[in-house]
Amino acid sequence: GPRRARIAFSDSAAKQLENLTTEAEIHAL
């Protein structure tokens, strides 16, 4: 199939990721 796009995070998005604490939040994202 077609190649999947690479995912990168801006600095502000990376900081938001640090605040994810539950497995449910991580799984949803």
mmCIF file of all heavy atoms, coordinates in Angstrom:
data_MODEL
# 
_entry.id   MODEL 
# 
loop_
_atom_site.group_PDB 
_atom_site.id 
_atom_site.type_symbol 
_atom_site.label_atom_id 
_atom_site.label_alt_id 
_atom_site.label_comp_id 
_atom_site.label_asym_id 
_atom_site.label_entity_id 
_atom_site.label_seq_id 
_atom_site.pdbx_PDB_ins_code 
_atom_site.Cartn_x 
_atom_site.Cartn_y 
_atom_site.Cartn_z 
_atom_site.occupancy 
_atom_site.B_iso_or_equiv 
_atom_site.pdbx_formal_charge 
_atom_site.auth_seq_id 
_atom_site.auth_comp_id 
_atom_site.auth_asym_id 
_atom_site.auth_atom_id 
_atom_site.pdbx_PDB_model_num 
ATOM 1   N N   . GLY A 1 1  ? 0.833  -1.194 0.000  1.00 0.00 ? 1  GLY A N   1 
ATOM 2   C CA  . GLY A 1 1  ? 0.000  0.000  0.000  1.00 0.00 ? 1  GLY A CA  1 
ATOM 3   C C   . GLY A 1 1  ? 0.864  1.239  0.000  1.00 0.00 ? 1  GLY A C   1 
ATOM 4   O O   . GLY A 1 1  ? 2.093  1.172  0.037  1.00 0.00 ? 1  GLY A O   1 
ATOM 5   N N   . PRO A 1 2  ? 0.227  2.395  -0.017 1.00 0.00 ? 2  PRO A N   1 
ATOM 6   C CA  . PRO A 1 2  ? 0.985  3.637  0.003  1.00 0.00 ? 2  PRO A CA  1 
ATOM 7   C C   . PRO A 1 2  ? 1.769  3.781  1.307  1.00 0.00 ? 2  PRO A C   1 
ATOM 8   O O   . PRO A 1 2  ? 1.372  3.270  2.348  1.00 0.00 ? 2  PRO A O   1 
ATOM 9   C CB  . PRO A 1 2  ? -0.084 4.722  -0.119 1.00 0.00 ? 2  PRO A CB  1 
ATOM 10  C CG  . PRO A 1 2  ? -1.371 4.058  0.187  1.00 0.00 ? 2  PRO A CG  1 
ATOM 11  C CD  . PRO A 1 2  ? -1.201 2.601  -0.036 1.00 0.00 ? 2  PRO A CD  1 
ATOM 12  N N   . ARG A 1 3  ? 2.879  4.459  1.214  1.00 0.00 ? 3  ARG A N   1 
ATOM 13  C CA  . ARG A 1 3  ? 3.745  4.681  2.380  1.00 0.00 ? 3  ARG A CA  1 
ATOM 14  C C   . ARG A 1 3  ? 3.039  5.591  3.380  1.00 0.00 ? 3  ARG A C   1 
ATOM 15  O O   . ARG A 1 3  ? 2.427  6.585  3.023  1.00 0.00 ? 3  ARG A O   1 
ATOM 16  C CB  . ARG A 1 3  ? 5.045  5.336  1.906  1.00 0.00 ? 3  ARG A CB  1 
ATOM 17  C CG  . ARG A 1 3  ? 6.053  5.593  2.990  1.00 0.00 ? 3  ARG A CG  1 
ATOM 18  C CD  . ARG A 1 3  ? 7.313  6.182  2.414  1.00 0.00 ? 3  ARG A CD  1 
ATOM 19  N NE  . ARG A 1 3  ? 7.144  7.518  1.938  1.00 0.00 ? 3  ARG A NE  1 
ATOM 20  C CZ  . ARG A 1 3  ? 7.354  8.619  2.672  1.00 0.00 ? 3  ARG A CZ  1 
ATOM 21  N NH1 . ARG A 1 3  ? 7.727  8.513  3.925  1.00 0.00 ? 3  ARG A NH1 1 
ATOM 22  N NH2 . ARG A 1 3  ? 7.196  9.809  2.161  1.00 0.00 ? 3  ARG A NH2 1 
ATOM 23  N N   . ARG A 1 4  ? 3.117  5.219  4.648  1.00 0.00 ? 4  ARG A N   1 
ATOM 24  C CA  . ARG A 1 4  ? 2.537  6.059  5.695  1.00 0.00 ? 4  ARG A CA  1 
ATOM 25  C C   . ARG A 1 4  ? 3.382  7.314  5.867  1.00 0.00 ? 4  ARG A C   1 
ATOM 26  O O   . ARG A 1 4  ? 4.599  7.285  5.695  1.00 0.00 ? 4  ARG A O   1 
ATOM 27  C CB  . ARG A 1 4  ? 2.487  5.300  7.008  1.00 0.00 ? 4  ARG A CB  1 
ATOM 28  C CG  . ARG A 1 4  ? 1.436  4.223  7.009  1.00 0.00 ? 4  ARG A CG  1 
ATOM 29  C CD  . ARG A 1 4  ? 1.463  3.382  8.238  1.00 0.00 ? 4  ARG A CD  1 
ATOM 30  N NE  . ARG A 1 4  ? 1.321  4.163  9.458  1.00 0.00 ? 4  ARG A NE  1 
ATOM 31  C CZ  . ARG A 1 4  ? 1.258  3.626  10.659 1.00 0.00 ? 4  ARG A CZ  1 
ATOM 32  N NH1 . ARG A 1 4  ? 1.323  2.331  10.815 1.00 0.00 ? 4  ARG A NH1 1 
ATOM 33  N NH2 . ARG A 1 4  ? 1.138  4.380  11.723 1.00 0.00 ? 4  ARG A NH2 1 
ATOM 34  N N   . ALA A 1 5  ? 2.726  8.395  6.231  1.00 0.00 ? 5  ALA A N   1 
ATOM 35  C CA  . ALA A 1 5  ? 3.434  9.647  6.486  1.00 0.00 ? 5  ALA A CA  1 
ATOM 36  C C   . ALA A 1 5  ? 4.173  9.548  7.819  1.00 0.00 ? 5  ALA A C   1 
ATOM 37  O O   . ALA A 1 5  ? 3.735  8.863  8.745  1.00 0.00 ? 5  ALA A O   1 
ATOM 38  C CB  . ALA A 1 5  ? 2.447  10.811 6.517  1.00 0.00 ? 5  ALA A CB  1 
ATOM 39  N N   . ARG A 1 6  ? 5.283  10.222 7.894  1.00 0.00 ? 6  ARG A N   1 
ATOM 40  C CA  . ARG A 1 6  ? 6.055  10.316 9.136  1.00 0.00 ? 6  ARG A CA  1 
ATOM 41  C C   . ARG A 1 6  ? 5.375  11.339 10.037 1.00 0.00 ? 6  ARG A C   1 
ATOM 42  O O   . ARG A 1 6  ? 4.893  12.365 9.567  1.00 0.00 ? 6  ARG A O   1 
ATOM 43  C CB  . ARG A 1 6  ? 7.475  10.760 8.800  1.00 0.00 ? 6  ARG A CB  1 
ATOM 44  C CG  . ARG A 1 6  ? 8.376  10.862 9.985  1.00 0.00 ? 6  ARG A CG  1 
ATOM 45  C CD  . ARG A 1 6  ? 9.809  11.195 9.529  1.00 0.00 ? 6  ARG A CD  1 
ATOM 46  N NE  . ARG A 1 6  ? 10.564 11.645 10.652 1.00 0.00 ? 6  ARG A NE  1 
ATOM 47  C CZ  . ARG A 1 6  ? 10.772 12.913 10.969 1.00 0.00 ? 6  ARG A CZ  1 
ATOM 48  N NH1 . ARG A 1 6  ? 10.313 13.864 10.205 1.00 0.00 ? 6  ARG A NH1 1 
ATOM 49  N NH2 . ARG A 1 6  ? 11.456 13.238 12.040 1.00 0.00 ? 6  ARG A NH2 1 
ATOM 50  N N   . ILE A 1 7  ? 5.330  11.084 11.347 1.00 0.00 ? 7  ILE A N   1 
ATOM 51  C CA  . ILE A 1 7  ? 4.722  11.997 12.308 1.00 0.00 ? 7  ILE A CA  1 
ATOM 52  C C   . ILE A 1 7  ? 5.828  12.686 13.096 1.00 0.00 ? 7  ILE A C   1 
ATOM 53  O O   . ILE A 1 7  ? 6.754  12.034 13.584 1.00 0.00 ? 7  ILE A O   1 
ATOM 54  C CB  . ILE A 1 7  ? 3.794  11.256 13.289 1.00 0.00 ? 7  ILE A CB  1 
ATOM 55  C CG1 . ILE A 1 7  ? 2.664  10.535 12.560 1.00 0.00 ? 7  ILE A CG1 1 
ATOM 56  C CG2 . ILE A 1 7  ? 3.254  12.202 14.353 1.00 0.00 ? 7  ILE A CG2 1 
ATOM 57  C CD1 . ILE A 1 7  ? 1.587  11.418 12.006 1.00 0.00 ? 7  ILE A CD1 1 
ATOM 58  N N   . ALA A 1 8  ? 5.742  14.005 13.224 1.00 0.00 ? 8  ALA A N   1 
ATOM 59  C CA  . ALA A 1 8  ? 6.667  14.785 14.048 1.00 0.00 ? 8  ALA A CA  1 
ATOM 60  C C   . ALA A 1 8  ? 5.826  15.726 14.910 1.00 0.00 ? 8  ALA A C   1 
ATOM 61  O O   . ALA A 1 8  ? 4.667  15.997 14.594 1.00 0.00 ? 8  ALA A O   1 
ATOM 62  C CB  . ALA A 1 8  ? 7.624  15.584 13.161 1.00 0.00 ? 8  ALA A CB  1 
ATOM 63  N N   . PHE A 1 9  ? 6.405  16.211 15.993 1.00 0.00 ? 9  PHE A N   1 
ATOM 64  C CA  . PHE A 1 9  ? 5.675  17.084 16.905 1.00 0.00 ? 9  PHE A CA  1 
ATOM 65  C C   . PHE A 1 9  ? 6.382  18.432 17.031 1.00 0.00 ? 9  PHE A C   1 
ATOM 66  O O   . PHE A 1 9  ? 7.607  18.476 17.160 1.00 0.00 ? 9  PHE A O   1 
ATOM 67  C CB  . PHE A 1 9  ? 5.585  16.438 18.297 1.00 0.00 ? 9  PHE A CB  1 
ATOM 68  C CG  . PHE A 1 9  ? 4.755  15.193 18.311 1.00 0.00 ? 9  PHE A CG  1 
ATOM 69  C CD1 . PHE A 1 9  ? 5.335  13.950 18.110 1.00 0.00 ? 9  PHE A CD1 1 
ATOM 70  C CD2 . PHE A 1 9  ? 3.391  15.258 18.511 1.00 0.00 ? 9  PHE A CD2 1 
ATOM 71  C CE1 . PHE A 1 9  ? 4.576  12.800 18.102 1.00 0.00 ? 9  PHE A CE1 1 
ATOM 72  C CE2 . PHE A 1 9  ? 2.621  14.108 18.509 1.00 0.00 ? 9  PHE A CE2 1 
ATOM 73  C CZ  . PHE A 1 9  ? 3.215  12.881 18.305 1.00 0.00 ? 9  PHE A CZ  1 
ATOM 74  N N   . SER A 1 10 ? 5.596  19.502 17.015 1.00 0.00 ? 10 SER A N   1 
ATOM 75  C CA  . SER A 1 10 ? 6.157  20.821 17.291 1.00 0.00 ? 10 SER A CA  1 
ATOM 76  C C   . SER A 1 10 ? 6.539  20.851 18.768 1.00 0.00 ? 10 SER A C   1 
ATOM 77  O O   . SER A 1 10 ? 6.134  19.980 19.551 1.00 0.00 ? 10 SER A O   1 
ATOM 78  C CB  . SER A 1 10 ? 5.129  21.916 16.989 1.00 0.00 ? 10 SER A CB  1 
ATOM 79  O OG  . SER A 1 10 ? 4.060  21.844 17.932 1.00 0.00 ? 10 SER A OG  1 
ATOM 80  N N   . ASP A 1 11 ? 7.311  21.846 19.174 1.00 0.00 ? 11 ASP A N   1 
ATOM 81  C CA  . ASP A 1 11 ? 7.717  21.948 20.581 1.00 0.00 ? 11 ASP A CA  1 
ATOM 82  C C   . ASP A 1 11 ? 6.507  22.053 21.503 1.00 0.00 ? 11 ASP A C   1 
ATOM 83  O O   . ASP A 1 11 ? 6.462  21.418 22.554 1.00 0.00 ? 11 ASP A O   1 
ATOM 84  C CB  . ASP A 1 11 ? 8.641  23.144 20.795 1.00 0.00 ? 11 ASP A CB  1 
ATOM 85  C CG  . ASP A 1 11 ? 10.011 22.948 20.168 1.00 0.00 ? 11 ASP A CG  1 
ATOM 86  O OD1 . ASP A 1 11 ? 10.366 21.780 19.884 1.00 0.00 ? 11 ASP A OD1 1 
ATOM 87  O OD2 . ASP A 1 11 ? 10.711 23.953 19.945 1.00 0.00 ? 11 ASP A OD2 1 
ATOM 88  N N   . SER A 1 12 ? 5.508  22.850 21.116 1.00 0.00 ? 12 SER A N   1 
ATOM 89  C CA  . SER A 1 12 ? 4.330  23.018 21.975 1.00 0.00 ? 12 SER A CA  1 
ATOM 90  C C   . SER A 1 12 ? 3.528  21.724 22.075 1.00 0.00 ? 12 SER A C   1 
ATOM 91  O O   . SER A 1 12 ? 3.012  21.384 23.138 1.00 0.00 ? 12 SER A O   1 
ATOM 92  C CB  . SER A 1 12 ? 3.450  24.166 21.483 1.00 0.00 ? 12 SER A CB  1 
ATOM 93  O OG  . SER A 1 12 ? 2.961  23.891 20.187 1.00 0.00 ? 12 SER A OG  1 
ATOM 94  N N   . ALA A 1 13 ? 3.433  20.974 20.986 1.00 0.00 ? 13 ALA A N   1 
ATOM 95  C CA  . ALA A 1 13 ? 2.722  19.695 21.026 1.00 0.00 ? 13 ALA A CA  1 
ATOM 96  C C   . ALA A 1 13 ? 3.486  18.691 21.884 1.00 0.00 ? 13 ALA A C   1 
ATOM 97  O O   . ALA A 1 13 ? 2.884  17.916 22.630 1.00 0.00 ? 13 ALA A O   1 
ATOM 98  C CB  . ALA A 1 13 ? 2.518  19.155 19.622 1.00 0.00 ? 13 ALA A CB  1 
ATOM 99  N N   . ALA A 1 14 ? 4.811  18.706 21.797 1.00 0.00 ? 14 ALA A N   1 
ATOM 100 C CA  . ALA A 1 14 ? 5.617  17.791 22.614 1.00 0.00 ? 14 ALA A CA  1 
ATOM 101 C C   . ALA A 1 14 ? 5.409  18.075 24.099 1.00 0.00 ? 14 ALA A C   1 
ATOM 102 O O   . ALA A 1 14 ? 5.331  17.149 24.913 1.00 0.00 ? 14 ALA A O   1 
ATOM 103 C CB  . ALA A 1 14 ? 7.092  17.918 22.240 1.00 0.00 ? 14 ALA A CB  1 
ATOM 104 N N   . LYS A 1 15 ? 5.282  19.343 24.461 1.00 0.00 ? 15 LYS A N   1 
ATOM 105 C CA  . LYS A 1 15 ? 5.030  19.690 25.862 1.00 0.00 ? 15 LYS A CA  1 
ATOM 106 C C   . LYS A 1 15 ? 3.658  19.195 26.305 1.00 0.00 ? 15 LYS A C   1 
ATOM 107 O O   . LYS A 1 15 ? 3.482  18.746 27.433 1.00 0.00 ? 15 LYS A O   1 
ATOM 108 C CB  . LYS A 1 15 ? 5.158  21.194 26.069 1.00 0.00 ? 15 LYS A CB  1 
ATOM 109 C CG  . LYS A 1 15 ? 6.586  21.650 26.013 1.00 0.00 ? 15 LYS A CG  1 
ATOM 110 C CD  . LYS A 1 15 ? 6.725  23.113 26.268 1.00 0.00 ? 15 LYS A CD  1 
ATOM 111 C CE  . LYS A 1 15 ? 8.175  23.448 26.001 1.00 0.00 ? 15 LYS A CE  1 
ATOM 112 N NZ  . LYS A 1 15 ? 8.705  24.512 26.728 1.00 0.00 ? 15 LYS A NZ  1 
ATOM 113 N N   . GLN A 1 16 ? 2.667  19.264 25.402 1.00 0.00 ? 16 GLN A N   1 
ATOM 114 C CA  . GLN A 1 16 ? 1.347  18.739 25.726 1.00 0.00 ? 16 GLN A CA  1 
ATOM 115 C C   . GLN A 1 16 ? 1.409  17.229 25.951 1.00 0.00 ? 16 GLN A C   1 
ATOM 116 O O   . GLN A 1 16 ? 0.711  16.696 26.812 1.00 0.00 ? 16 GLN A O   1 
ATOM 117 C CB  . GLN A 1 16 ? 0.350  19.053 24.615 1.00 0.00 ? 16 GLN A CB  1 
ATOM 118 C CG  . GLN A 1 16 ? -0.036 20.512 24.540 1.00 0.00 ? 16 GLN A CG  1 
ATOM 119 C CD  . GLN A 1 16 ? -1.052 20.753 23.440 1.00 0.00 ? 16 GLN A CD  1 
ATOM 120 O OE1 . GLN A 1 16 ? -1.870 19.905 23.138 1.00 0.00 ? 16 GLN A OE1 1 
ATOM 121 N NE2 . GLN A 1 16 ? -0.979 21.923 22.840 1.00 0.00 ? 16 GLN A NE2 1 
ATOM 122 N N   . LEU A 1 17 ? 2.238  16.546 25.182 1.00 0.00 ? 17 LEU A N   1 
ATOM 123 C CA  . LEU A 1 17 ? 2.368  15.094 25.333 1.00 0.00 ? 17 LEU A CA  1 
ATOM 124 C C   . LEU A 1 17 ? 2.900  14.716 26.709 1.00 0.00 ? 17 LEU A C   1 
ATOM 125 O O   . LEU A 1 17 ? 2.543  13.674 27.255 1.00 0.00 ? 17 LEU A O   1 
ATOM 126 C CB  . LEU A 1 17 ? 3.288  14.525 24.260 1.00 0.00 ? 17 LEU A CB  1 
ATOM 127 C CG  . LEU A 1 17 ? 2.737  14.518 22.847 1.00 0.00 ? 17 LEU A CG  1 
ATOM 128 C CD1 . LEU A 1 17 ? 3.790  14.013 21.871 1.00 0.00 ? 17 LEU A CD1 1 
ATOM 129 C CD2 . LEU A 1 17 ? 1.482  13.682 22.751 1.00 0.00 ? 17 LEU A CD2 1 
ATOM 130 N N   . GLU A 1 18 ? 3.747  15.563 27.266 1.00 0.00 ? 18 GLU A N   1 
ATOM 131 C CA  . GLU A 1 18 ? 4.300  15.287 28.587 1.00 0.00 ? 18 GLU A CA  1 
ATOM 132 C C   . GLU A 1 18 ? 3.205  15.252 29.643 1.00 0.00 ? 18 GLU A C   1 
ATOM 133 O O   . GLU A 1 18 ? 3.359  14.626 30.682 1.00 0.00 ? 18 GLU A O   1 
ATOM 134 C CB  . GLU A 1 18 ? 5.340  16.340 28.954 1.00 0.00 ? 18 GLU A CB  1 
ATOM 135 C CG  . GLU A 1 18 ? 6.603  16.274 28.120 1.00 0.00 ? 18 GLU A CG  1 
ATOM 136 C CD  . GLU A 1 18 ? 7.550  17.422 28.388 1.00 0.00 ? 18 GLU A CD  1 
ATOM 137 O OE1 . GLU A 1 18 ? 7.274  18.252 29.291 1.00 0.00 ? 18 GLU A OE1 1 
ATOM 138 O OE2 . GLU A 1 18 ? 8.570  17.496 27.690 1.00 0.00 ? 18 GLU A OE2 1 
ATOM 139 N N   . ASN A 1 19 ? 2.077  15.929 29.383 1.00 0.00 ? 19 ASN A N   1 
ATOM 140 C CA  . ASN A 1 19 ? 0.987  15.987 30.347 1.00 0.00 ? 19 ASN A CA  1 
ATOM 141 C C   . ASN A 1 19 ? 0.017  14.814 30.239 1.00 0.00 ? 19 ASN A C   1 
ATOM 142 O O   . ASN A 1 19 ? -0.888 14.700 31.055 1.00 0.00 ? 19 ASN A O   1 
ATOM 143 C CB  . ASN A 1 19 ? 0.215  17.307 30.196 1.00 0.00 ? 19 ASN A CB  1 
ATOM 144 C CG  . ASN A 1 19 ? 1.077  18.501 30.555 1.00 0.00 ? 19 ASN A CG  1 
ATOM 145 O OD1 . ASN A 1 19 ? 1.919  18.417 31.442 1.00 0.00 ? 19 ASN A OD1 1 
ATOM 146 N ND2 . ASN A 1 19 ? 0.877  19.597 29.860 1.00 0.00 ? 19 ASN A ND2 1 
ATOM 147 N N   . LEU A 1 20 ? 0.181  13.971 29.223 1.00 0.00 ? 20 LEU A N   1 
ATOM 148 C CA  . LEU A 1 20 ? -0.667 12.784 29.118 1.00 0.00 ? 20 LEU A CA  1 
ATOM 149 C C   . LEU A 1 20 ? -0.212 11.782 30.172 1.00 0.00 ? 20 LEU A C   1 
ATOM 150 O O   . LEU A 1 20 ? 0.955  11.413 30.221 1.00 0.00 ? 20 LEU A O   1 
ATOM 151 C CB  . LEU A 1 20 ? -0.574 12.163 27.725 1.00 0.00 ? 20 LEU A CB  1 
ATOM 152 C CG  . LEU A 1 20 ? -1.035 13.026 26.558 1.00 0.00 ? 20 LEU A CG  1 
ATOM 153 C CD1 . LEU A 1 20 ? -0.922 12.240 25.261 1.00 0.00 ? 20 LEU A CD1 1 
ATOM 154 C CD2 . LEU A 1 20 ? -2.448 13.525 26.750 1.00 0.00 ? 20 LEU A CD2 1 
ATOM 155 N N   . THR A 1 21 ? -1.125 11.367 31.017 1.00 0.00 ? 21 THR A N   1 
ATOM 156 C CA  . THR A 1 21 ? -0.718 10.512 32.130 1.00 0.00 ? 21 THR A CA  1 
ATOM 157 C C   . THR A 1 21 ? -1.364 9.135  32.113 1.00 0.00 ? 21 THR A C   1 
ATOM 158 O O   . THR A 1 21 ? -0.808 8.207  32.687 1.00 0.00 ? 21 THR A O   1 
ATOM 159 C CB  . THR A 1 21 ? -1.054 11.196 33.466 1.00 0.00 ? 21 THR A CB  1 
ATOM 160 O OG1 . THR A 1 21 ? -2.454 11.484 33.501 1.00 0.00 ? 21 THR A OG1 1 
ATOM 161 C CG2 . THR A 1 21 ? -0.254 12.479 33.632 1.00 0.00 ? 21 THR A CG2 1 
ATOM 162 N N   . THR A 1 22 ? -2.503 8.987  31.460 1.00 0.00 ? 22 THR A N   1 
ATOM 163 C CA  . THR A 1 22 ? -3.163 7.686  31.500 1.00 0.00 ? 22 THR A CA  1 
ATOM 164 C C   . THR A 1 22 ? -2.950 6.938  30.188 1.00 0.00 ? 22 THR A C   1 
ATOM 165 O O   . THR A 1 22 ? -2.742 7.544  29.138 1.00 0.00 ? 22 THR A O   1 
ATOM 166 C CB  . THR A 1 22 ? -4.676 7.828  31.734 1.00 0.00 ? 22 THR A CB  1 
ATOM 167 O OG1 . THR A 1 22 ? -5.278 8.420  30.584 1.00 0.00 ? 22 THR A OG1 1 
ATOM 168 C CG2 . THR A 1 22 ? -4.966 8.671  32.972 1.00 0.00 ? 22 THR A CG2 1 
ATOM 169 N N   . GLU A 1 23 ? -3.027 5.628  30.293 1.00 0.00 ? 23 GLU A N   1 
ATOM 170 C CA  . GLU A 1 23 ? -2.906 4.814  29.080 1.00 0.00 ? 23 GLU A CA  1 
ATOM 171 C C   . GLU A 1 23 ? -4.052 5.092  28.127 1.00 0.00 ? 23 GLU A C   1 
ATOM 172 O O   . GLU A 1 23 ? -3.877 5.024  26.915 1.00 0.00 ? 23 GLU A O   1 
ATOM 173 C CB  . GLU A 1 23 ? -2.843 3.331  29.438 1.00 0.00 ? 23 GLU A CB  1 
ATOM 174 C CG  . GLU A 1 23 ? -1.474 2.901  29.910 1.00 0.00 ? 23 GLU A CG  1 
ATOM 175 C CD  . GLU A 1 23 ? -1.328 1.393  29.897 1.00 0.00 ? 23 GLU A CD  1 
ATOM 176 O OE1 . GLU A 1 23 ? -1.771 0.743  28.934 1.00 0.00 ? 23 GLU A OE1 1 
ATOM 177 O OE2 . GLU A 1 23 ? -0.759 0.890  30.868 1.00 0.00 ? 23 GLU A OE2 1 
ATOM 178 N N   . ALA A 1 24 ? -5.222 5.401  28.662 1.00 0.00 ? 24 ALA A N   1 
ATOM 179 C CA  . ALA A 1 24 ? -6.379 5.693  27.812 1.00 0.00 ? 24 ALA A CA  1 
ATOM 180 C C   . ALA A 1 24 ? -6.125 6.929  26.958 1.00 0.00 ? 24 ALA A C   1 
ATOM 181 O O   . ALA A 1 24 ? -6.459 6.942  25.766 1.00 0.00 ? 24 ALA A O   1 
ATOM 182 C CB  . ALA A 1 24 ? -7.634 5.884  28.660 1.00 0.00 ? 24 ALA A CB  1 
ATOM 183 N N   . GLU A 1 25 ? -5.526 7.973  27.529 1.00 0.00 ? 25 GLU A N   1 
ATOM 184 C CA  . GLU A 1 25 ? -5.211 9.179  26.771 1.00 0.00 ? 25 GLU A CA  1 
ATOM 185 C C   . GLU A 1 25 ? -4.177 8.884  25.688 1.00 0.00 ? 25 GLU A C   1 
ATOM 186 O O   . GLU A 1 25 ? -4.315 9.334  24.548 1.00 0.00 ? 25 GLU A O   1 
ATOM 187 C CB  . GLU A 1 25 ? -4.670 10.280 27.696 1.00 0.00 ? 25 GLU A CB  1 
ATOM 188 C CG  . GLU A 1 25 ? -5.677 10.856 28.636 1.00 0.00 ? 25 GLU A CG  1 
ATOM 189 C CD  . GLU A 1 25 ? -5.057 11.831 29.615 1.00 0.00 ? 25 GLU A CD  1 
ATOM 190 O OE1 . GLU A 1 25 ? -3.890 11.651 30.018 1.00 0.00 ? 25 GLU A OE1 1 
ATOM 191 O OE2 . GLU A 1 25 ? -5.756 12.786 29.989 1.00 0.00 ? 25 GLU A OE2 1 
ATOM 192 N N   . ILE A 1 26 ? -3.157 8.140  26.038 1.00 0.00 ? 26 ILE A N   1 
ATOM 193 C CA  . ILE A 1 26 ? -2.101 7.805  25.077 1.00 0.00 ? 26 ILE A CA  1 
ATOM 194 C C   . ILE A 1 26 ? -2.664 6.942  23.954 1.00 0.00 ? 26 ILE A C   1 
ATOM 195 O O   . ILE A 1 26 ? -2.384 7.166  22.771 1.00 0.00 ? 26 ILE A O   1 
ATOM 196 C CB  . ILE A 1 26 ? -0.919 7.121  25.791 1.00 0.00 ? 26 ILE A CB  1 
ATOM 197 C CG1 . ILE A 1 26 ? -0.258 8.120  26.750 1.00 0.00 ? 26 ILE A CG1 1 
ATOM 198 C CG2 . ILE A 1 26 ? 0.089  6.570  24.797 1.00 0.00 ? 26 ILE A CG2 1 
ATOM 199 C CD1 . ILE A 1 26 ? 0.710  7.503  27.728 1.00 0.00 ? 26 ILE A CD1 1 
ATOM 200 N N   . HIS A 1 27 ? -3.497 5.974  24.299 1.00 0.00 ? 27 HIS A N   1 
ATOM 201 C CA  . HIS A 1 27 ? -4.111 5.103  23.302 1.00 0.00 ? 27 HIS A CA  1 
ATOM 202 C C   . HIS A 1 27 ? -5.005 5.904  22.353 1.00 0.00 ? 27 HIS A C   1 
ATOM 203 O O   . HIS A 1 27 ? -4.965 5.705  21.135 1.00 0.00 ? 27 HIS A O   1 
ATOM 204 C CB  . HIS A 1 27 ? -4.925 4.009  23.999 1.00 0.00 ? 27 HIS A CB  1 
ATOM 205 C CG  . HIS A 1 27 ? -5.641 3.110  23.060 1.00 0.00 ? 27 HIS A CG  1 
ATOM 206 N ND1 . HIS A 1 27 ? -4.999 2.145  22.318 1.00 0.00 ? 27 HIS A ND1 1 
ATOM 207 C CD2 . HIS A 1 27 ? -6.955 3.047  22.713 1.00 0.00 ? 27 HIS A CD2 1 
ATOM 208 C CE1 . HIS A 1 27 ? -5.891 1.517  21.564 1.00 0.00 ? 27 HIS A CE1 1 
ATOM 209 N NE2 . HIS A 1 27 ? -7.069 2.048  21.785 1.00 0.00 ? 27 HIS A NE2 1 
ATOM 210 N N   . ALA A 1 28 ? -5.794 6.825  22.902 1.00 0.00 ? 28 ALA A N   1 
ATOM 211 C CA  . ALA A 1 28 ? -6.695 7.647  22.084 1.00 0.00 ? 28 ALA A CA  1 
ATOM 212 C C   . ALA A 1 28 ? -5.899 8.478  21.085 1.00 0.00 ? 28 ALA A C   1 
ATOM 213 O O   . ALA A 1 28 ? -6.246 8.546  19.901 1.00 0.00 ? 28 ALA A O   1 
ATOM 214 C CB  . ALA A 1 28 ? -7.550 8.540  22.980 1.00 0.00 ? 28 ALA A CB  1 
ATOM 215 N N   . LEU A 1 29 ? -4.833 9.115  21.534 1.00 0.00 ? 29 LEU A N   1 
ATOM 216 C CA  . LEU A 1 29 ? -4.009 9.921  20.640 1.00 0.00 ? 29 LEU A CA  1 
ATOM 217 C C   . LEU A 1 29 ? -3.311 9.037  19.609 1.00 0.00 ? 29 LEU A C   1 
ATOM 218 O O   . LEU A 1 29 ? -3.258 9.388  18.422 1.00 0.00 ? 29 LEU A O   1 
ATOM 219 C CB  . LEU A 1 29 ? -2.984 10.726 21.430 1.00 0.00 ? 29 LEU A CB  1 
ATOM 220 C CG  . LEU A 1 29 ? -2.065 11.608 20.583 1.00 0.00 ? 29 LEU A CG  1 
ATOM 221 C CD1 . LEU A 1 29 ? -2.855 12.609 19.760 1.00 0.00 ? 29 LEU A CD1 1 
ATOM 222 C CD2 . LEU A 1 29 ? -1.057 12.314 21.467 1.00 0.00 ? 29 LEU A CD2 1 
# 
